[in-house]
Amino acid sequence: MKIHMVKKGDTLYLIAQKYNVSLEDVLKANPEIENPDVIDVGMKVKIPGPPTPALLHQHIVQQGDTLWKLSKAWEYRWRK
């Protein structure tokens, strides 16, 4: 999570655009902001990070596994 220090001319919408997050996510991260149209210079606004990508596949390493073998096995599966 990042912190943005509000400067003259900032709006929550512009701040959200600057960090490429939705205004809704900025508001969720800052429940103390009662009126999104009123922010003060010097105020600290929390900027949420990007969503964590979902785990696509998990492999439990077994005896005899090598990175080369795994890469070849997954390369074959992804081509199908």
C-alpha atoms as a PDB file:
ATOM      1  CA  MET A   1       0.000   0.000   0.000  1.00  0.00           C
ATOM      2  CA  LYS A   2       1.294   3.448  -0.920  1.00  0.00           C
ATOM      3  CA  ILE A   3       0.564   6.793   0.732  1.00  0.00           C
ATOM      4  CA  HIS A   4      -0.237   9.897  -1.331  1.00  0.00           C
ATOM      5  CA  MET A   5       0.129  13.340   0.252  1.00  0.00           C
ATOM      6  CA  VAL A   6      -2.666  15.542  -1.096  1.00  0.00           C
ATOM      7  CA  LYS A   7      -1.470  18.614  -2.999  1.00  0.00           C
ATOM      8  CA  LYS A   8      -3.349  21.687  -4.162  1.00  0.00           C
ATOM      9  CA  GLY A   9      -5.642  20.720  -7.054  1.00  0.00           C
ATOM     10  CA  ASP A  10      -5.779  17.006  -6.172  1.00  0.00           C
ATOM     11  CA  THR A  11      -9.077  15.149  -6.191  1.00  0.00           C
ATOM     12  CA  LEU A  12      -9.623  11.540  -5.197  1.00  0.00           C
ATOM     13  CA  TYR A  13     -10.531  10.801  -8.802  1.00  0.00           C
ATOM     14  CA  LEU A  14      -7.240  12.264 -10.102  1.00  0.00           C
ATOM     15  CA  ILE A  15      -5.266  10.465  -7.390  1.00  0.00           C
ATOM     16  CA  ALA A  16      -6.910   7.153  -8.315  1.00  0.00           C
ATOM     17  CA  GLN A  17      -6.082   7.730 -11.990  1.00  0.00           C
ATOM     18  CA  LYS A  18      -2.465   8.611 -11.138  1.00  0.00           C
ATOM     19  CA  TYR A  19      -1.976   5.260  -9.395  1.00  0.00           C
ATOM     20  CA  ASN A  20      -4.141   3.293 -11.855  1.00  0.00           C
ATOM     21  CA  VAL A  21      -6.641   2.123  -9.239  1.00  0.00           C
ATOM     22  CA  SER A  22     -10.381   2.611  -9.069  1.00  0.00           C
ATOM     23  CA  LEU A  23     -11.898   5.448  -7.086  1.00  0.00           C
ATOM     24  CA  GLU A  24     -13.991   2.834  -5.275  1.00  0.00           C
ATOM     25  CA  ASP A  25     -10.827   1.011  -4.126  1.00  0.00           C
ATOM     26  CA  VAL A  26      -9.298   4.272  -2.876  1.00  0.00           C
ATOM     27  CA  LEU A  27     -12.466   5.001  -0.901  1.00  0.00           C
ATOM     28  CA  LYS A  28     -12.492   1.471   0.568  1.00  0.00           C
ATOM     29  CA  ALA A  29      -8.880   1.920   1.695  1.00  0.00           C
ATOM     30  CA  ASN A  30      -9.771   5.250   3.345  1.00  0.00           C
ATOM     31  CA  PRO A  31     -13.018   4.767   5.304  1.00  0.00           C
ATOM     32  CA  GLU A  32     -12.201   7.855   7.377  1.00  0.00           C
ATOM     33  CA  ILE A  33     -12.951  10.066   4.352  1.00  0.00           C
ATOM     34  CA  GLU A  34     -16.585  10.954   4.946  1.00  0.00           C
ATOM     35  CA  ASN A  35     -17.066  13.168   1.893  1.00  0.00           C
ATOM     36  CA  PRO A  36     -15.016  12.160  -1.171  1.00  0.00           C
ATOM     37  CA  ASP A  37     -15.515  15.641  -2.622  1.00  0.00           C
ATOM     38  CA  VAL A  38     -13.677  17.246   0.310  1.00  0.00           C
ATOM     39  CA  ILE A  39     -10.013  16.438   0.864  1.00  0.00           C
ATOM     40  CA  ASP A  40      -7.464  18.775   2.398  1.00  0.00           C
ATOM     41  CA  VAL A  41      -3.958  19.687   1.270  1.00  0.00           C
ATOM     42  CA  GLY A  42      -1.476  17.692   3.351  1.00  0.00           C
ATOM     43  CA  MET A  43      -3.929  14.861   3.980  1.00  0.00           C
ATOM     44  CA  LYS A  44      -2.488  11.346   3.621  1.00  0.00           C
ATOM     45  CA  VAL A  45      -4.495   9.078   1.330  1.00  0.00           C
ATOM     46  CA  LYS A  46      -3.823   5.339   1.315  1.00  0.00           C
ATOM     47  CA  ILE A  47      -3.464   3.868  -2.174  1.00  0.00           C
ATOM     48  CA  PRO A  48      -4.229   0.141  -2.388  1.00  0.00           C
ATOM     49  CA  GLY A  49      -1.891  -2.085  -4.357  1.00  0.00           C
ATOM     50  CA  PRO A  50      -2.922  -4.043  -7.411  1.00  0.00           C
ATOM     51  CA  PRO A  51      -4.909  -7.209  -6.793  1.00  0.00           C
ATOM     52  CA  THR A  52      -2.878 -10.346  -6.223  1.00  0.00           C
ATOM     53  CA  PRO A  53      -3.085 -12.665  -9.218  1.00  0.00           C
ATOM     54  CA  ALA A  54      -4.754 -15.992  -8.623  1.00  0.00           C
ATOM     55  CA  LEU A  55      -2.557 -19.053  -8.330  1.00  0.00           C
ATOM     56  CA  LEU A  56      -2.772 -20.802 -11.696  1.00  0.00           C
ATOM     57  CA  HIS A  57      -1.221 -24.088 -10.676  1.00  0.00           C
ATOM     58  CA  GLN A  58       0.547 -25.579  -7.717  1.00  0.00           C
ATOM     59  CA  HIS A  59       3.004 -28.450  -8.007  1.00  0.00           C
ATOM     60  CA  ILE A  60       4.267 -30.458  -5.066  1.00  0.00           C
ATOM     61  CA  VAL A  61       7.869 -31.362  -5.777  1.00  0.00           C
ATOM     62  CA  GLN A  62       8.588 -35.051  -5.750  1.00  0.00           C
ATOM     63  CA  GLN A  63      11.847 -36.944  -5.720  1.00  0.00           C
ATOM     64  CA  GLY A  64      13.379 -36.930  -9.183  1.00  0.00           C
ATOM     65  CA  ASP A  65      11.718 -33.680 -10.297  1.00  0.00           C
ATOM     66  CA  THR A  66      13.944 -31.193 -12.076  1.00  0.00           C
ATOM     67  CA  LEU A  67      13.088 -27.777 -13.411  1.00  0.00           C
ATOM     68  CA  TRP A  68      13.794 -29.038 -16.917  1.00  0.00           C
ATOM     69  CA  LYS A  69      11.365 -31.959 -16.550  1.00  0.00           C
ATOM     70  CA  LEU A  70       8.683 -29.718 -15.087  1.00  0.00           C
ATOM     71  CA  SER A  71       9.115 -27.106 -17.806  1.00  0.00           C
ATOM     72  CA  LYS A  72       8.779 -29.748 -20.512  1.00  0.00           C
ATOM     73  CA  ALA A  73       5.722 -31.300 -18.859  1.00  0.00           C
ATOM     74  CA  TRP A  74       3.958 -27.936 -18.540  1.00  0.00           C
ATOM     75  CA  GLU A  75       4.997 -26.799 -22.007  1.00  0.00           C
ATOM     76  CA  TYR A  76       3.255 -29.878 -23.412  1.00  0.00           C
ATOM     77  CA  ARG A  77       0.100 -29.279 -21.349  1.00  0.00           C
ATOM     78  CA  TRP A  78      -0.126 -25.599 -22.320  1.00  0.00           C
ATOM     79  CA  ARG A  79       0.134 -26.361 -26.047  1.00  0.00           C
ATOM     80  CA  LYS A  80      -2.988 -28.547 -25.968  1.00  0.00           C
END
